[in-house]
């Protein structure tokens, strides 16, 4: 006998027995109707379906998966719910509408902790009885051994061994630095992300390539670890901006780091962009609401989410589809960048 979840006035859970009692039929009859089996009169089917809707009865995911080997649910696994993941979820939700699949969003980490392998533990908990496939955001390890179809968005280790999708991180960084060079900046600092992540490595590579292409020399003292974190980047920016021969521009590896730089500049009384230009990466919603609004490299976050859904649905149909998809980035010029100052205080 299946149990169900749902609200029923006066009690907590709605069961198949509740449906049978209200509809005036047997439990086996209700089971046949909800499982779309033969042997039930059309009028009875209509009556049972009306009661199911009235009581809010839903068959349990576990029972459904045991019966058909499918749950009709796609899992969205994220380390934590922060701006980057939230924007991806918008695209995922939109692309899933009308497909017949439901979404289960699951955060695998406690905010502020660093637990490599969280996605494997999460997949082990959810696969088989709760979800048919999964989209995993920024996984720390390769997931080629997953028991269910998986698409990884922006994996830490880069594309390897399974379906992945990301943005062109290196080309985006080149866009950012070329913009600053065109404005006359020659001392351009870089607050990189975590050095162990492929995205951070590629953004640093793009920074170095663009600086060299401009005929400039990378000053290693201007390349610091921001860790993709606002507070860490704010502290590093303070050291950069109060030291000798400070930079006139900062390219931060993500928007959170750029916000940290803006915060420190304001605390030090530096004008942005009159004294310092700042560029971020991602274009999360907060980027357009900073003071001043942040120039940033836009990843197509909602498209990343929707394309990941398309890839996963093909896999669930038995078509492996593309092993890797890379989307282009776009520079969004706002008010945090401007011409290099004639003289930069030392």
Protein backbone atom coordinates (compact mmCIF):
# COMPACT_ATOMS: atom_id res chain seq x y z
CA UNK A 1 0.00 0.00 0.00
CA UNK A 2 1.31 3.46 -0.90
CA UNK A 3 1.35 6.35 1.50
CA UNK A 4 1.16 9.92 0.41
CA UNK A 5 2.00 13.42 1.35
CA UNK A 6 -0.49 16.24 1.20
CA UNK A 7 -2.77 18.34 3.34
CA UNK A 8 -6.15 17.16 4.55
CA UNK A 9 -8.30 19.26 6.83
CA UNK A 10 -8.19 17.92 10.35
CA UNK A 11 -5.20 15.62 9.85
CA UNK A 12 -1.65 15.62 8.58
CA UNK A 13 -1.09 13.08 5.83
CA UNK A 14 -3.45 11.99 3.10
CA UNK A 15 -3.31 8.26 2.38
CA UNK A 16 -4.68 6.06 -0.35
CA UNK A 17 -7.21 4.82 2.22
CA UNK A 18 -8.51 8.39 2.66
CA UNK A 19 -9.04 8.66 -1.09
CA UNK A 20 -10.88 5.31 -1.20
CA UNK A 21 -13.12 6.29 1.72
CA UNK A 22 -14.12 9.68 0.30
CA UNK A 23 -14.60 8.29 -3.22
CA UNK A 24 -16.62 5.33 -1.94
CA UNK A 25 -14.45 2.72 -3.66
CA UNK A 26 -11.92 0.11 -2.60
CA UNK A 27 -8.23 0.76 -2.09
CA UNK A 28 -7.29 -1.55 -5.03
CA UNK A 29 -9.57 0.54 -7.27
CA UNK A 30 -7.83 3.76 -6.27
CA UNK A 31 -4.46 2.09 -6.88
CA UNK A 32 -5.55 1.10 -10.40
CA UNK A 33 -6.67 4.65 -11.17
CA UNK A 34 -3.53 6.43 -9.95
CA UNK A 35 -1.30 3.85 -11.65
CA UNK A 36 -3.34 4.09 -14.88
CA UNK A 37 -4.27 0.41 -14.99
CA UNK A 38 -7.24 -1.14 -16.78
CA UNK A 39 -10.39 -2.55 -15.21
CA UNK A 40 -12.03 0.60 -13.82
CA UNK A 41 -15.20 2.20 -15.19
CA UNK A 42 -14.73 5.68 -16.76
CA UNK A 43 -17.12 7.30 -14.28
CA UNK A 44 -15.20 5.80 -11.37
CA UNK A 45 -11.92 7.06 -12.77
CA UNK A 46 -13.33 10.58 -12.94
CA UNK A 47 -14.64 10.35 -9.38
CA UNK A 48 -11.37 9.08 -7.96
CA UNK A 49 -9.37 11.76 -9.79
CA UNK A 50 -11.68 14.44 -8.40
CA UNK A 51 -11.09 13.19 -4.86
CA UNK A 52 -7.34 12.99 -5.44
CA UNK A 53 -7.36 16.66 -6.47
CA UNK A 54 -9.70 17.61 -3.61
CA UNK A 55 -7.56 16.00 -0.91
CA UNK A 56 -4.19 16.86 -2.42
CA UNK A 57 -3.08 13.25 -2.55
CA UNK A 58 0.30 12.52 -4.11
CA UNK A 59 1.97 9.16 -4.43
CA UNK A 60 5.29 9.02 -2.65
CA UNK A 61 8.44 9.35 -4.73
CA UNK A 62 9.86 6.18 -3.21
CA UNK A 63 6.78 4.15 -4.07
CA UNK A 64 6.72 5.61 -7.56
CA UNK A 65 10.37 4.75 -8.17
CA UNK A 66 9.96 1.20 -6.89
CA UNK A 67 7.01 0.69 -9.25
CA UNK A 68 8.46 2.20 -12.44
CA UNK A 69 12.22 2.71 -11.82
CA UNK A 70 11.56 6.41 -12.48
CA UNK A 71 10.56 9.24 -10.15
CA UNK A 72 9.96 12.00 -12.69
CA UNK A 73 12.21 14.27 -10.60
CA UNK A 74 15.46 16.00 -11.52
CA UNK A 75 17.83 16.93 -8.72
CA UNK A 76 19.65 20.27 -8.64
CA UNK A 77 22.65 19.96 -6.33
CA UNK A 78 24.44 23.13 -5.25
CA UNK A 79 27.10 23.69 -2.58
CA UNK A 80 24.95 26.47 -1.12
CA UNK A 81 22.23 28.88 -2.20
CA UNK A 82 24.15 32.04 -3.16
CA UNK A 83 23.72 34.52 -6.08
CA UNK A 84 25.55 32.40 -8.68
CA UNK A 85 23.50 29.28 -7.91
CA UNK A 86 20.26 31.22 -7.62
CA UNK A 87 20.61 32.63 -11.14
CA UNK A 88 21.36 29.17 -12.51
CA UNK A 89 18.23 27.85 -10.80
CA UNK A 90 16.12 30.41 -12.66
CA UNK A 91 17.27 29.03 -15.98
CA UNK A 92 16.88 25.44 -14.83
CA UNK A 93 13.34 26.04 -13.57
CA UNK A 94 12.27 27.78 -16.77
CA UNK A 95 13.69 25.04 -19.01
CA UNK A 96 12.05 22.27 -16.97
CA UNK A 97 8.53 23.73 -17.31
CA UNK A 98 6.40 21.55 -19.54
CA UNK A 99 8.86 18.64 -19.64
CA UNK A 100 6.92 16.48 -17.19
CA UNK A 101 9.78 16.57 -14.68
CA UNK A 102 9.71 18.15 -11.24
CA UNK A 103 12.72 19.75 -9.55
CA UNK A 104 14.34 18.95 -6.22
CA UNK A 105 16.89 21.60 -5.16
CA UNK A 106 19.42 20.35 -2.62
CA UNK A 107 22.27 22.23 -0.89
CA UNK A 108 25.11 19.88 -0.09
CA UNK A 109 27.25 22.12 2.13
CA UNK A 110 26.80 24.20 5.23
CA UNK A 111 27.68 27.80 4.31
CA UNK A 112 31.30 28.62 4.98
CA UNK A 113 32.58 25.06 5.12
CA UNK A 114 34.90 23.36 2.65
CA UNK A 115 34.04 19.71 2.19
CA UNK A 116 35.37 18.22 -1.08
CA UNK A 117 33.26 15.32 -2.27
CA UNK A 118 29.95 16.77 -1.02
CA UNK A 119 28.32 16.06 -4.39
CA UNK A 120 29.11 12.34 -4.31
CA UNK A 121 27.61 12.04 -0.85
CA UNK A 122 24.54 13.98 -2.00
CA UNK A 123 24.09 11.85 -5.12
CA UNK A 124 24.35 8.72 -3.00
CA UNK A 125 21.51 9.95 -0.78
CA UNK A 126 19.21 11.04 -3.61
CA UNK A 127 19.80 8.80 -6.61
CA UNK A 128 17.62 5.83 -7.38
CA UNK A 129 14.63 6.48 -5.14
CA UNK A 130 14.27 10.29 -5.25
CA UNK A 131 15.74 11.58 -8.52
CA UNK A 132 16.23 10.22 -12.04
CA UNK A 133 19.14 12.51 -12.93
CA UNK A 134 20.99 15.49 -11.56
CA UNK A 135 22.48 18.85 -12.46
CA UNK A 136 25.40 19.52 -10.14
CA UNK A 137 26.70 23.07 -9.74
CA UNK A 138 30.47 23.54 -9.34
CA UNK A 139 31.27 19.96 -8.26
CA UNK A 140 34.66 19.46 -6.63
CA UNK A 141 35.33 16.05 -8.19
CA UNK A 142 34.60 14.17 -11.41
CA UNK A 143 31.22 12.43 -11.42
CA UNK A 144 31.69 9.88 -14.22
CA UNK A 145 30.94 7.02 -11.79
CA UNK A 146 27.51 8.40 -10.82
CA UNK A 147 24.72 5.75 -10.86
CA UNK A 148 22.38 8.24 -12.59
CA UNK A 149 22.83 10.69 -15.50
CA UNK A 150 24.60 13.86 -14.37
CA UNK A 151 25.44 17.20 -15.96
CA UNK A 152 28.01 19.37 -14.18
CA UNK A 153 27.92 23.17 -14.42
CA UNK A 154 31.32 24.87 -14.08
CA UNK A 155 33.10 21.91 -12.44
CA UNK A 156 36.09 22.75 -10.27
CA UNK A 157 38.35 20.41 -12.21
CA UNK A 158 37.18 21.48 -15.67
CA UNK A 159 35.52 19.25 -18.30
CA UNK A 160 36.48 15.63 -17.79
CA UNK A 161 34.81 12.25 -18.08
CA UNK A 162 31.15 13.30 -18.10
CA UNK A 163 28.73 15.89 -19.45
CA UNK A 164 29.77 19.41 -18.45
CA UNK A 165 28.85 22.99 -19.33
CA UNK A 166 30.66 26.22 -18.53
CA UNK A 167 31.45 29.71 -19.80
CA UNK A 168 34.59 30.81 -21.61
CA UNK A 169 36.45 31.98 -18.53
CA UNK A 170 39.74 32.82 -20.24
CA UNK A 171 38.16 34.82 -23.05
CA UNK A 172 36.05 36.70 -20.51
CA UNK A 173 39.13 37.70 -18.54
CA UNK A 174 40.78 38.90 -21.74
CA UNK A 175 37.73 41.09 -22.40
CA UNK A 176 37.99 42.62 -18.94
CA UNK A 177 41.67 43.49 -19.19
CA UNK A 178 41.43 44.76 -22.77
CA UNK A 179 38.69 47.14 -21.59
CA UNK A 180 40.96 48.51 -18.85
CA UNK A 181 43.95 48.81 -21.20
CA UNK A 182 41.79 50.73 -23.69
CA UNK A 183 41.00 53.19 -20.89
CA UNK A 184 44.74 53.83 -20.42
CA UNK A 185 45.40 51.66 -17.36
CA UNK A 186 48.86 50.12 -17.15
CA UNK A 187 48.99 48.97 -13.52
CA UNK A 188 46.15 46.46 -13.37
CA UNK A 189 45.84 44.22 -10.32
CA UNK A 190 44.15 40.85 -10.36
CA UNK A 191 42.30 39.32 -7.42
CA UNK A 192 42.16 35.70 -8.47
CA UNK A 193 39.77 33.05 -7.24
CA UNK A 194 40.77 29.85 -5.51
CA UNK A 195 43.96 28.67 -7.24
CA UNK A 196 42.79 25.04 -7.20
CA UNK A 197 39.71 25.77 -9.34
CA UNK A 198 39.76 25.54 -13.14
CA UNK A 199 37.62 28.68 -13.51
CA UNK A 200 40.06 30.73 -11.42
CA UNK A 201 43.07 29.34 -13.29
CA UNK A 202 41.53 30.23 -16.65
CA UNK A 203 40.59 33.75 -15.55
CA UNK A 204 44.13 34.35 -14.32
CA UNK A 205 45.48 32.97 -17.61
CA UNK A 206 43.27 35.38 -19.52
CA UNK A 207 44.47 38.29 -17.37
CA UNK A 208 48.10 37.40 -18.02
CA UNK A 209 47.54 36.90 -21.74
CA UNK A 210 45.81 40.26 -22.16
CA UNK A 211 48.44 42.13 -20.14
CA UNK A 212 51.21 40.61 -22.25
CA UNK A 213 49.33 41.31 -25.49
CA UNK A 214 49.16 44.98 -24.49
CA UNK A 215 52.96 45.10 -24.24
CA UNK A 216 52.85 45.37 -20.46
CA UNK A 217 54.62 43.29 -17.82
CA UNK A 218 52.69 41.47 -15.11
CA UNK A 219 53.75 42.80 -11.72
CA UNK A 220 53.45 39.72 -9.51
CA UNK A 221 52.91 41.97 -6.50
CA UNK A 222 49.56 42.93 -8.06
CA UNK A 223 48.33 39.33 -8.38
CA UNK A 224 46.68 38.33 -5.10
CA UNK A 225 44.31 35.62 -3.81
CA UNK A 226 40.76 36.88 -3.35
CA UNK A 227 39.36 33.38 -2.96
CA UNK A 228 36.09 34.38 -4.66
CA UNK A 229 35.12 35.83 -1.25
CA UNK A 230 34.06 39.42 -0.52
CA UNK A 231 35.69 39.78 2.91
CA UNK A 232 38.97 38.17 1.87
CA UNK A 233 39.11 40.36 -1.23
CA UNK A 234 38.34 43.49 0.80
CA UNK A 235 41.32 42.77 3.07
CA UNK A 236 43.64 42.09 0.13
CA UNK A 237 42.44 45.25 -1.61
CA UNK A 238 43.30 47.31 1.45
CA UNK A 239 46.87 46.06 1.29
CA UNK A 240 47.09 46.79 -2.45
CA UNK A 241 45.53 50.24 -2.27
CA UNK A 242 47.53 51.49 0.71
CA UNK A 243 50.88 50.20 -0.47
CA UNK A 244 53.48 51.95 -2.62
CA UNK A 245 52.85 52.29 -6.37
CA UNK A 246 49.24 51.16 -6.08
CA UNK A 247 47.25 49.97 -9.11
CA UNK A 248 44.86 52.23 -10.98
CA UNK A 249 42.57 49.30 -11.82
CA UNK A 250 41.56 45.93 -10.39
CA UNK A 251 40.20 42.94 -12.28
CA UNK A 252 38.48 40.72 -9.70
CA UNK A 253 37.81 37.07 -10.55
CA UNK A 254 34.16 37.30 -9.52
CA UNK A 255 31.60 39.89 -8.53
CA UNK A 256 31.79 39.08 -4.81
CA UNK A 257 35.51 39.90 -4.88
CA UNK A 258 34.83 43.08 -6.86
CA UNK A 259 32.27 44.17 -4.26
CA UNK A 260 34.95 43.74 -1.61
CA UNK A 261 37.26 46.02 -3.59
CA UNK A 262 34.53 48.66 -3.96
CA UNK A 263 33.90 48.52 -0.23
CA UNK A 264 37.56 49.03 0.62
CA UNK A 265 37.96 51.85 -1.91
CA UNK A 266 35.03 53.69 -0.30
CA UNK A 267 36.52 53.20 3.17
CA UNK A 268 39.84 54.64 1.96
CA UNK A 269 38.18 57.62 0.32
CA UNK A 270 39.14 56.59 -3.21
CA UNK A 271 36.77 57.56 -5.97
CA UNK A 272 35.53 54.86 -8.35
CA UNK A 273 36.26 55.27 -11.19
CA UNK A 274 38.10 58.62 -10.81
CA UNK A 275 40.88 57.07 -8.67
CA UNK A 276 40.34 53.36 -9.26
CA UNK A 277 38.54 51.28 -11.88
CA UNK A 278 37.07 47.91 -10.91
CA UNK A 279 35.86 45.01 -13.07
CA UNK A 280 34.21 41.83 -11.79
CA UNK A 281 33.11 38.53 -13.32
CA UNK A 282 29.69 36.73 -13.40
CA UNK A 283 27.16 39.59 -13.58
CA UNK A 284 25.01 38.42 -10.68
CA UNK A 285 22.02 40.72 -9.92
CA UNK A 286 23.97 42.55 -7.19
CA UNK A 287 26.47 43.81 -9.80
CA UNK A 288 24.07 46.38 -11.20
CA UNK A 289 23.10 47.60 -7.72
CA UNK A 290 26.52 48.42 -6.27
CA UNK A 291 27.78 51.99 -5.83
CA UNK A 292 28.78 52.69 -8.52
CA UNK A 293 27.20 49.94 -10.67
CA UNK A 294 29.84 47.33 -11.45
CA UNK A 295 31.44 46.74 -14.83
CA UNK A 296 31.67 42.97 -15.11
CA UNK A 297 32.08 40.02 -17.43
CA UNK A 298 28.65 38.46 -17.79
CA UNK A 299 28.30 34.72 -17.78
CA UNK A 300 24.99 33.66 -19.37
CA UNK A 301 23.87 32.16 -16.05
CA UNK A 302 20.24 31.45 -16.91
CA UNK A 303 21.31 29.98 -20.27
CA UNK A 304 23.86 27.79 -18.49
CA UNK A 305 21.00 26.43 -16.40
CA UNK A 306 18.61 25.90 -19.30
CA UNK A 307 21.24 24.26 -21.51
CA UNK A 308 22.17 21.93 -18.66
CA UNK A 309 18.52 20.83 -18.50
CA UNK A 310 18.49 20.15 -22.24
CA UNK A 311 21.65 18.04 -21.94
CA UNK A 312 20.27 16.06 -19.00
CA UNK A 313 16.91 15.37 -20.65
CA UNK A 314 18.70 14.00 -23.72
CA UNK A 315 20.69 11.71 -21.46
CA UNK A 316 17.52 10.53 -19.71
CA UNK A 317 16.11 9.64 -23.14
CA UNK A 318 19.17 7.53 -23.83
CA UNK A 319 20.99 10.04 -26.06
CA UNK A 320 24.35 11.01 -24.55
CA UNK A 321 24.40 14.28 -26.53
CA UNK A 322 27.37 16.64 -26.20
CA UNK A 323 30.10 15.78 -23.72
CA UNK A 324 30.92 19.44 -23.16
CA UNK A 325 29.34 22.79 -23.98
CA UNK A 326 31.11 26.15 -23.57
CA UNK A 327 29.16 29.41 -23.78
CA UNK A 328 30.49 32.85 -24.64
CA UNK A 329 30.80 35.69 -22.13
CA UNK A 330 29.91 39.38 -22.60
CA UNK A 331 31.49 42.47 -21.07
CA UNK A 332 28.89 44.66 -19.31
CA UNK A 333 30.33 48.17 -19.05
CA UNK A 334 28.84 50.18 -16.18
CA UNK A 335 30.08 53.05 -14.03
CA UNK A 336 32.89 51.37 -12.05
CA UNK A 337 35.42 51.83 -14.87
CA UNK A 338 36.80 54.99 -16.42
CA UNK A 339 39.96 56.55 -17.85
CA UNK A 340 43.15 56.00 -15.90
CA UNK A 341 43.99 58.97 -13.65
CA UNK A 342 46.80 61.19 -14.90
CA UNK A 343 48.72 60.61 -11.70
CA UNK A 344 48.31 57.66 -9.33
CA UNK A 345 49.41 58.54 -5.76
CA UNK A 346 52.29 56.41 -4.55
